Amino acid sequence: GGLSASVVQLPEGQDADGLLRAQGPKAMEGLIASARHWLEWRLDRLLAPLTASTGEASLETLQAVERDGMALVEQLPDGVLRRSAEQRLDVALRGSGEQTFGTLPPAVAVVQPSATTARHRAERRALRLFVHAPECRELLQCLAFQDHACRAAMEWLNSLALVAMEGSIAVMALELAGHLQGAVQVEVNQAAAPGPDVIAVLHRAHEVELQAVLDALEPITT
């Protein structure tokens, strides 16, 4: 129904009421701020038998993880989250140490930087506006991106917007960029941290910036 869940891990032996009574609202607010996307949490639990093994996992363990993992993936709709889960499951089963457990890996191919054009610059402006002006996101989601890296970056940012706490999407985007590669990494980085002066302008005059972006990038019509 368009909702997305996050998971808060309470200290061992405590429930929410006990934590509030013992440490006050600030403790609970801190936990909520660090809540993890439900899919990351679910994959951690599913892959725990592999990470807990001191040596190579047994064939039975690998088969059980693969079975449960595929059952989870089949419940996900096509899109970034499903590709992310598929890739993380594949990496874990192959025993690769390239990915950090607890973080969804990039589910897009490495896109090399392309020549900057006027349209490309406008698409970059749209990405920055999406991150720093939440009032504009609904319209920006309707834009047709031609640059492959910008289009992939928007997919990632849109997924982050579904789970990000208020004001935290820029921080999450910077963390995500560390797990991306090539031009997609560049676009996400630049959208999340274009510089304090640019961010101030986006906050102060987001309507003007939105109109400029809409003038340059024709929205998709249905």
C-alpha atoms as a PDB file:
ATOM      1  CA  GLY A   1       0.000   0.000   0.000  1.00  0.00           C
ATOM      2  CA  GLY A   2       2.931   2.368  -0.531  1.00  0.00           C
ATOM      3  CA  LEU A   3       4.143   2.032   3.049  1.00  0.00           C
ATOM      4  CA  SER A   4       7.702   1.120   4.006  1.00  0.00           C
ATOM      5  CA  ALA A   5       8.841  -0.298   7.353  1.00  0.00           C
ATOM      6  CA  SER A   6      12.011   0.251   9.345  1.00  0.00           C
ATOM      7  CA  VAL A   7      13.262  -1.840  12.262  1.00  0.00           C
ATOM      8  CA  VAL A   8      14.425  -0.549  15.657  1.00  0.00           C
ATOM      9  CA  GLN A   9      16.595  -2.927  17.660  1.00  0.00           C
ATOM     10  CA  LEU A  10      15.917  -2.447  21.383  1.00  0.00           C
ATOM     11  CA  PRO A  11      18.653  -3.184  23.961  1.00  0.00           C
ATOM     12  CA  GLU A  12      18.627  -6.810  25.080  1.00  0.00           C
ATOM     13  CA  GLY A  13      16.156  -7.445  27.868  1.00  0.00           C
ATOM     14  CA  GLN A  14      14.291  -4.160  27.452  1.00  0.00           C
ATOM     15  CA  ASP A  15      10.996  -3.175  25.863  1.00  0.00           C
ATOM     16  CA  ALA A  16      10.031   0.311  24.705  1.00  0.00           C
ATOM     17  CA  ASP A  17       8.276   1.166  27.968  1.00  0.00           C
ATOM     18  CA  GLY A  18      11.238   0.078  30.082  1.00  0.00           C
ATOM     19  CA  LEU A  19      13.669   2.043  27.934  1.00  0.00           C
ATOM     20  CA  LEU A  20      11.549   5.210  28.190  1.00  0.00           C
ATOM     21  CA  ARG A  21      11.278   4.884  31.959  1.00  0.00           C
ATOM     22  CA  ALA A  22      14.996   4.176  32.425  1.00  0.00           C
ATOM     23  CA  GLN A  23      16.569   6.564  29.928  1.00  0.00           C
ATOM     24  CA  GLY A  24      13.841   8.937  28.780  1.00  0.00           C
ATOM     25  CA  PRO A  25      12.523   9.965  25.330  1.00  0.00           C
ATOM     26  CA  LYS A  26      15.976  10.909  23.991  1.00  0.00           C
ATOM     27  CA  ALA A  27      17.075   7.277  24.081  1.00  0.00           C
ATOM     28  CA  MET A  28      14.068   6.165  22.071  1.00  0.00           C
ATOM     29  CA  GLU A  29      14.471   9.036  19.618  1.00  0.00           C
ATOM     30  CA  GLY A  30      18.082   7.981  19.042  1.00  0.00           C
ATOM     31  CA  LEU A  31      17.028   4.416  18.296  1.00  0.00           C
ATOM     32  CA  ILE A  32      14.325   5.562  15.902  1.00  0.00           C
ATOM     33  CA  ALA A  33      16.814   7.834  14.100  1.00  0.00           C
ATOM     34  CA  SER A  34      19.108   4.844  13.555  1.00  0.00           C
ATOM     35  CA  ALA A  35      16.320   2.501  12.431  1.00  0.00           C
ATOM     36  CA  ARG A  36      17.276   0.256   9.529  1.00  0.00           C
ATOM     37  CA  HIS A  37      15.327  -0.504   6.384  1.00  0.00           C
ATOM     38  CA  TRP A  38      13.353  -3.693   6.944  1.00  0.00           C
ATOM     39  CA  LEU A  39      15.000  -5.440   3.994  1.00  0.00           C
ATOM     40  CA  GLU A  40      18.519  -4.855   5.330  1.00  0.00           C
ATOM     41  CA  TRP A  41      17.407  -6.188   8.720  1.00  0.00           C
ATOM     42  CA  ARG A  42      15.720  -9.217   7.147  1.00  0.00           C
ATOM     43  CA  LEU A  43      18.737 -10.053   4.991  1.00  0.00           C
ATOM     44  CA  ASP A  44      21.069  -9.821   7.993  1.00  0.00           C
ATOM     45  CA  ARG A  45      18.969 -12.404   9.823  1.00  0.00           C
ATOM     46  CA  LEU A  46      18.696 -14.605   6.767  1.00  0.00           C
ATOM     47  CA  LEU A  47      22.454 -14.537   6.074  1.00  0.00           C
ATOM     48  CA  ALA A  48      23.475 -14.902   9.738  1.00  0.00           C
ATOM     49  CA  PRO A  49      24.300 -18.639   9.368  1.00  0.00           C
ATOM     50  CA  LEU A  50      26.939 -17.729   6.770  1.00  0.00           C
ATOM     51  CA  THR A  51      28.528 -14.917   8.766  1.00  0.00           C
ATOM     52  CA  ALA A  52      28.528 -16.953  11.990  1.00  0.00           C
ATOM     53  CA  SER A  53      30.440 -19.826  10.412  1.00  0.00           C
ATOM     54  CA  THR A  54      34.147 -19.949  11.356  1.00  0.00           C
ATOM     55  CA  GLY A  55      35.034 -21.869   8.212  1.00  0.00           C
ATOM     56  CA  GLU A  56      33.286 -22.669   4.964  1.00  0.00           C
ATOM     57  CA  ALA A  57      29.553 -23.101   5.380  1.00  0.00           C
ATOM     58  CA  SER A  58      28.186 -26.591   4.830  1.00  0.00           C
ATOM     59  CA  LEU A  59      26.271 -27.465   1.696  1.00  0.00           C
ATOM     60  CA  GLU A  60      23.105 -27.864   3.784  1.00  0.00           C
ATOM     61  CA  THR A  61      23.528 -24.353   5.212  1.00  0.00           C
ATOM     62  CA  LEU A  62      24.103 -22.846   1.770  1.00  0.00           C
ATOM     63  CA  GLN A  63      21.043 -24.618   0.378  1.00  0.00           C
ATOM     64  CA  ALA A  64      18.872 -23.427   3.285  1.00  0.00           C
ATOM     65  CA  VAL A  65      20.034 -19.815   2.931  1.00  0.00           C
ATOM     66  CA  GLU A  66      19.514 -19.926  -0.835  1.00  0.00           C
ATOM     67  CA  ARG A  67      16.011 -21.355  -0.436  1.00  0.00           C
ATOM     68  CA  ASP A  68      14.953 -18.799   2.166  1.00  0.00           C
ATOM     69  CA  GLY A  69      16.630 -15.989   0.240  1.00  0.00           C
ATOM     70  CA  MET A  70      14.870 -16.780  -3.006  1.00  0.00           C
ATOM     71  CA  ALA A  71      11.543 -17.002  -1.167  1.00  0.00           C
ATOM     72  CA  LEU A  72      12.153 -13.487   0.163  1.00  0.00           C
ATOM     73  CA  VAL A  73      13.217 -12.110  -3.234  1.00  0.00           C
ATOM     74  CA  GLU A  74      10.128 -13.536  -4.925  1.00  0.00           C
ATOM     75  CA  GLN A  75       7.933 -11.468  -2.600  1.00  0.00           C
ATOM     76  CA  LEU A  76       9.555  -8.202  -3.719  1.00  0.00           C
ATOM     77  CA  PRO A  77       8.247  -6.234  -6.709  1.00  0.00           C
ATOM     78  CA  ASP A  78      10.573  -5.561  -9.623  1.00  0.00           C
ATOM     79  CA  GLY A  79      12.806  -2.597  -8.889  1.00  0.00           C
ATOM     80  CA  VAL A  80      15.870  -1.410  -7.030  1.00  0.00           C
ATOM     81  CA  LEU A  81      15.163  -3.244  -3.773  1.00  0.00           C
ATOM     82  CA  ARG A  82      14.647  -6.578  -5.511  1.00  0.00           C
ATOM     83  CA  ARG A  83      17.845  -6.224  -7.549  1.00  0.00           C
ATOM     84  CA  SER A  84      19.724  -5.213  -4.401  1.00  0.00           C
ATOM     85  CA  ALA A  85      18.489  -8.245  -2.490  1.00  0.00           C
ATOM     86  CA  GLU A  86      19.314 -10.577  -5.392  1.00  0.00           C
ATOM     87  CA  GLN A  87      22.852  -9.234  -5.669  1.00  0.00           C
ATOM     88  CA  ARG A  88      23.542  -9.336  -1.942  1.00  0.00           C
ATOM     89  CA  LEU A  89      22.265 -12.905  -1.742  1.00  0.00           C
ATOM     90  CA  ASP A  90      24.425 -13.903  -4.705  1.00  0.00           C
ATOM     91  CA  VAL A  91      27.538 -12.289  -3.192  1.00  0.00           C
ATOM     92  CA  ALA A  92      26.972 -13.991   0.150  1.00  0.00           C
ATOM     93  CA  LEU A  93      26.430 -17.432  -1.385  1.00  0.00           C
ATOM     94  CA  ARG A  94      29.563 -17.117  -3.488  1.00  0.00           C
ATOM     95  CA  GLY A  95      31.533 -16.305  -0.356  1.00  0.00           C
ATOM     96  CA  SER A  96      32.775 -12.961  -1.679  1.00  0.00           C
ATOM     97  CA  GLY A  97      34.118 -10.524   0.899  1.00  0.00           C
ATOM     98  CA  GLU A  98      33.724  -7.531  -1.365  1.00  0.00           C
ATOM     99  CA  GLN A  99      30.433  -6.368   0.111  1.00  0.00           C
ATOM    100  CA  THR A 100      29.912  -5.165   3.686  1.00  0.00           C
ATOM    101  CA  PHE A 101      27.188  -7.113   5.436  1.00  0.00           C
ATOM    102  CA  GLY A 102      24.393  -4.911   6.711  1.00  0.00           C
ATOM    103  CA  THR A 103      24.352  -2.640   3.670  1.00  0.00           C
ATOM    104  CA  LEU A 104      22.439  -3.141   0.452  1.00  0.00           C
ATOM    105  CA  PRO A 105      24.926  -3.357  -2.442  1.00  0.00           C
ATOM    106  CA  PRO A 106      24.575  -1.454  -5.702  1.00  0.00           C
ATOM    107  CA  ALA A 107      22.136  -3.140  -8.046  1.00  0.00           C
ATOM    108  CA  VAL A 108      23.050  -1.183 -11.161  1.00  0.00           C
ATOM    109  CA  ALA A 109      25.857  -1.667 -13.609  1.00  0.00           C
ATOM    110  CA  VAL A 110      28.861   0.624 -13.453  1.00  0.00           C
ATOM    111  CA  VAL A 111      28.084   3.546 -15.728  1.00  0.00           C
ATOM    112  CA  GLN A 112      31.052   5.528 -16.944  1.00  0.00           C
ATOM    113  CA  PRO A 113      30.873   9.335 -16.931  1.00  0.00           C
ATOM    114  CA  SER A 114      29.349  10.838 -20.046  1.00  0.00           C
ATOM    115  CA  ALA A 115      29.950  14.162 -21.709  1.00  0.00           C
ATOM    116  CA  THR A 116      28.195  16.983 -19.869  1.00  0.00           C
ATOM    117  CA  THR A 117      25.423  18.630 -21.878  1.00  0.00           C
ATOM    118  CA  ALA A 118      22.848  21.273 -21.009  1.00  0.00           C
ATOM    119  CA  ARG A 119      20.274  18.547 -20.394  1.00  0.00           C
ATOM    120  CA  HIS A 120      22.696  16.568 -18.239  1.00  0.00           C
ATOM    121  CA  ARG A 121      23.303  19.647 -16.100  1.00  0.00           C
ATOM    122  CA  ALA A 122      19.545  20.122 -15.744  1.00  0.00           C
ATOM    123  CA  GLU A 123      19.145  16.488 -14.663  1.00  0.00           C
ATOM    124  CA  ARG A 124      21.841  17.025 -12.039  1.00  0.00           C
ATOM    125  CA  ARG A 125      19.945  20.067 -10.776  1.00  0.00           C
ATOM    126  CA  ALA A 126      16.843  17.890 -10.486  1.00  0.00           C
ATOM    127  CA  LEU A 127      18.741  15.347  -8.384  1.00  0.00           C
ATOM    128  CA  ARG A 128      20.016  18.058  -6.029  1.00  0.00           C
ATOM    129  CA  LEU A 129      16.532  19.496  -5.705  1.00  0.00           C
ATOM    130  CA  PHE A 130      15.084  16.052  -4.971  1.00  0.00           C
ATOM    131  CA  VAL A 131      17.477  15.607  -2.031  1.00  0.00           C
ATOM    132  CA  HIS A 132      17.297  19.090  -0.517  1.00  0.00           C
ATOM    133  CA  ALA A 133      13.735  20.233  -1.308  1.00  0.00           C
ATOM    134  CA  PRO A 134      11.249  17.518  -0.294  1.00  0.00           C
ATOM    135  CA  GLU A 135       8.380  19.779  -1.376  1.00  0.00           C
ATOM    136  CA  CYS A 136       9.433  19.218  -4.992  1.00  0.00           C
ATOM    137  CA  ARG A 137       9.832  15.439  -4.999  1.00  0.00           C
ATOM    138  CA  GLU A 138       6.393  14.536  -6.303  1.00  0.00           C
ATOM    139  CA  LEU A 139       6.891  16.551  -9.502  1.00  0.00           C
ATOM    140  CA  LEU A 140      10.518  15.544  -9.916  1.00  0.00           C
ATOM    141  CA  GLN A 141       9.528  11.873  -9.913  1.00  0.00           C
ATOM    142  CA  CYS A 142       7.598  12.533 -13.145  1.00  0.00           C
ATOM    143  CA  LEU A 143      10.648  13.701 -15.097  1.00  0.00           C
ATOM    144  CA  ALA A 144      12.183  11.637 -17.878  1.00  0.00           C
ATOM    145  CA  PHE A 145      15.939  11.279 -17.340  1.00  0.00           C
ATOM    146  CA  GLN A 146      17.996  10.558 -20.453  1.00  0.00           C
ATOM    147  CA  ASP A 147      21.415  10.241 -18.814  1.00  0.00           C
ATOM    148  CA  HIS A 148      21.844   6.641 -17.622  1.00  0.00           C
ATOM    149  CA  ALA A 149      23.750   7.606 -14.474  1.00  0.00           C
ATOM    150  CA  CYS A 150      21.243  10.295 -13.488  1.00  0.00           C
ATOM    151  CA  ARG A 151      18.365   7.905 -14.080  1.00  0.00           C
ATOM    152  CA  ALA A 152      20.005   5.255 -11.868  1.00  0.00           C
ATOM    153  CA  ALA A 153      20.797   7.879  -9.228  1.00  0.00           C
ATOM    154  CA  MET A 154      17.163   8.985  -9.166  1.00  0.00           C
ATOM    155  CA  GLU A 155      16.041   5.375  -8.655  1.00  0.00           C
ATOM    156  CA  TRP A 156      18.319   5.112  -5.643  1.00  0.00           C
ATOM    157  CA  LEU A 157      17.285   8.493  -4.213  1.00  0.00           C
ATOM    158  CA  ASN A 158      13.618   7.663  -4.671  1.00  0.00           C
ATOM    159  CA  SER A 159      14.121   4.441  -2.709  1.00  0.00           C
ATOM    160  CA  LEU A 160      15.933   6.330   0.047  1.00  0.00           C
ATOM    161  CA  ALA A 161      13.132   8.900   0.241  1.00  0.00           C
ATOM    162  CA  LEU A 162      10.696   6.104   1.123  1.00  0.00           C
ATOM    163  CA  VAL A 163      12.636   5.122   4.239  1.00  0.00           C
ATOM    164  CA  ALA A 164      14.575   8.260   5.263  1.00  0.00           C
ATOM    165  CA  MET A 165      13.716  10.117   8.424  1.00  0.00           C
ATOM    166  CA  GLU A 166      12.959  13.823   7.959  1.00  0.00           C
ATOM    167  CA  GLY A 167      16.119  15.619   6.872  1.00  0.00           C
ATOM    168  CA  SER A 168      18.297  12.504   6.768  1.00  0.00           C
ATOM    169  CA  ILE A 169      18.212  11.633   3.073  1.00  0.00           C
ATOM    170  CA  ALA A 170      21.406  13.570   2.271  1.00  0.00           C
ATOM    171  CA  VAL A 171      23.366  11.639   4.918  1.00  0.00           C
ATOM    172  CA  MET A 172      21.923   8.336   3.709  1.00  0.00           C
ATOM    173  CA  ALA A 173      22.747   9.230   0.101  1.00  0.00           C
ATOM    174  CA  LEU A 174      26.393   9.916   0.994  1.00  0.00           C
ATOM    175  CA  GLU A 175      26.600   6.552   2.751  1.00  0.00           C
ATOM    176  CA  LEU A 176      24.998   4.864  -0.252  1.00  0.00           C
ATOM    177  CA  ALA A 177      27.441   6.516  -2.660  1.00  0.00           C
ATOM    178  CA  GLY A 178      30.278   4.718  -0.906  1.00  0.00           C
ATOM    179  CA  HIS A 179      28.841   1.432  -2.200  1.00  0.00           C
ATOM    180  CA  LEU A 180      28.250   2.608  -5.768  1.00  0.00           C
ATOM    181  CA  GLN A 181      30.736   2.955  -8.588  1.00  0.00           C
ATOM    182  CA  GLY A 182      31.473   5.059 -11.641  1.00  0.00           C
ATOM    183  CA  ALA A 183      29.197   7.840 -12.782  1.00  0.00           C
ATOM    184  CA  VAL A 184      26.280   6.752 -10.580  1.00  0.00           C
ATOM    185  CA  GLN A 185      28.449   7.288  -7.511  1.00  0.00           C
ATOM    186  CA  VAL A 186      29.413  10.738  -8.805  1.00  0.00           C
ATOM    187  CA  GLU A 187      25.793  11.775  -9.393  1.00  0.00           C
ATOM    188  CA  VAL A 188      24.585  10.614  -5.970  1.00  0.00           C
ATOM    189  CA  ASN A 189      27.528  12.313  -4.255  1.00  0.00           C
ATOM    190  CA  GLN A 190      26.968  15.605  -6.060  1.00  0.00           C
ATOM    191  CA  ALA A 191      23.242  15.519  -5.378  1.00  0.00           C
ATOM    192  CA  ALA A 192      23.768  14.889  -1.664  1.00  0.00           C
ATOM    193  CA  ALA A 193      26.595  17.384  -1.092  1.00  0.00           C
ATOM    194  CA  PRO A 194      26.644  20.164  -3.713  1.00  0.00           C
ATOM    195  CA  GLY A 195      28.094  22.640  -1.210  1.00  0.00           C
ATOM    196  CA  PRO A 196      26.548  24.808   1.513  1.00  0.00           C
ATOM    197  CA  ASP A 197      25.917  27.787  -0.787  1.00  0.00           C
ATOM    198  CA  VAL A 198      23.976  25.673  -3.280  1.00  0.00           C
ATOM    199  CA  ILE A 199      22.002  23.978  -0.506  1.00  0.00           C
ATOM    200  CA  ALA A 200      21.069  27.380   0.937  1.00  0.00           C
ATOM    201  CA  VAL A 201      19.737  28.485  -2.451  1.00  0.00           C
ATOM    202  CA  LEU A 202      17.747  25.260  -2.859  1.00  0.00           C
ATOM    203  CA  HIS A 203      16.139  25.786   0.535  1.00  0.00           C
ATOM    204  CA  ARG A 204      15.456  29.467  -0.027  1.00  0.00           C
ATOM    205  CA  ALA A 205      14.296  29.429  -3.648  1.00  0.00           C
ATOM    206  CA  HIS A 206      13.237  25.867  -4.368  1.00  0.00           C
ATOM    207  CA  GLU A 207      10.173  26.981  -6.347  1.00  0.00           C
ATOM    208  CA  VAL A 208      12.320  29.036  -8.737  1.00  0.00           C
ATOM    209  CA  GLU A 209      14.765  26.153  -9.139  1.00  0.00           C
ATOM    210  CA  LEU A 210      11.927  23.690  -9.709  1.00  0.00           C
ATOM    211  CA  GLN A 211      10.466  25.830 -12.469  1.00  0.00           C
ATOM    212  CA  ALA A 212      13.862  26.081 -14.161  1.00  0.00           C
ATOM    213  CA  VAL A 213      14.250  22.306 -14.032  1.00  0.00           C
ATOM    214  CA  LEU A 214      10.731  21.722 -15.370  1.00  0.00           C
ATOM    215  CA  ASP A 215      11.390  24.129 -18.225  1.00  0.00           C
ATOM    216  CA  ALA A 216      14.511  22.172 -19.181  1.00  0.00           C
ATOM    217  CA  LEU A 217      13.163  18.644 -18.637  1.00  0.00           C
ATOM    218  CA  GLU A 218       9.760  17.892 -20.038  1.00  0.00           C
ATOM    219  CA  PRO A 219       7.709  15.734 -17.614  1.00  0.00           C
ATOM    220  CA  ILE A 220       6.372  12.388 -18.747  1.00  0.00           C
ATOM    221  CA  THR A 221       2.732  12.623 -19.861  1.00  0.00           C
ATOM    222  CA  THR A 222       0.310   9.718 -19.507  1.00  0.00           C
END
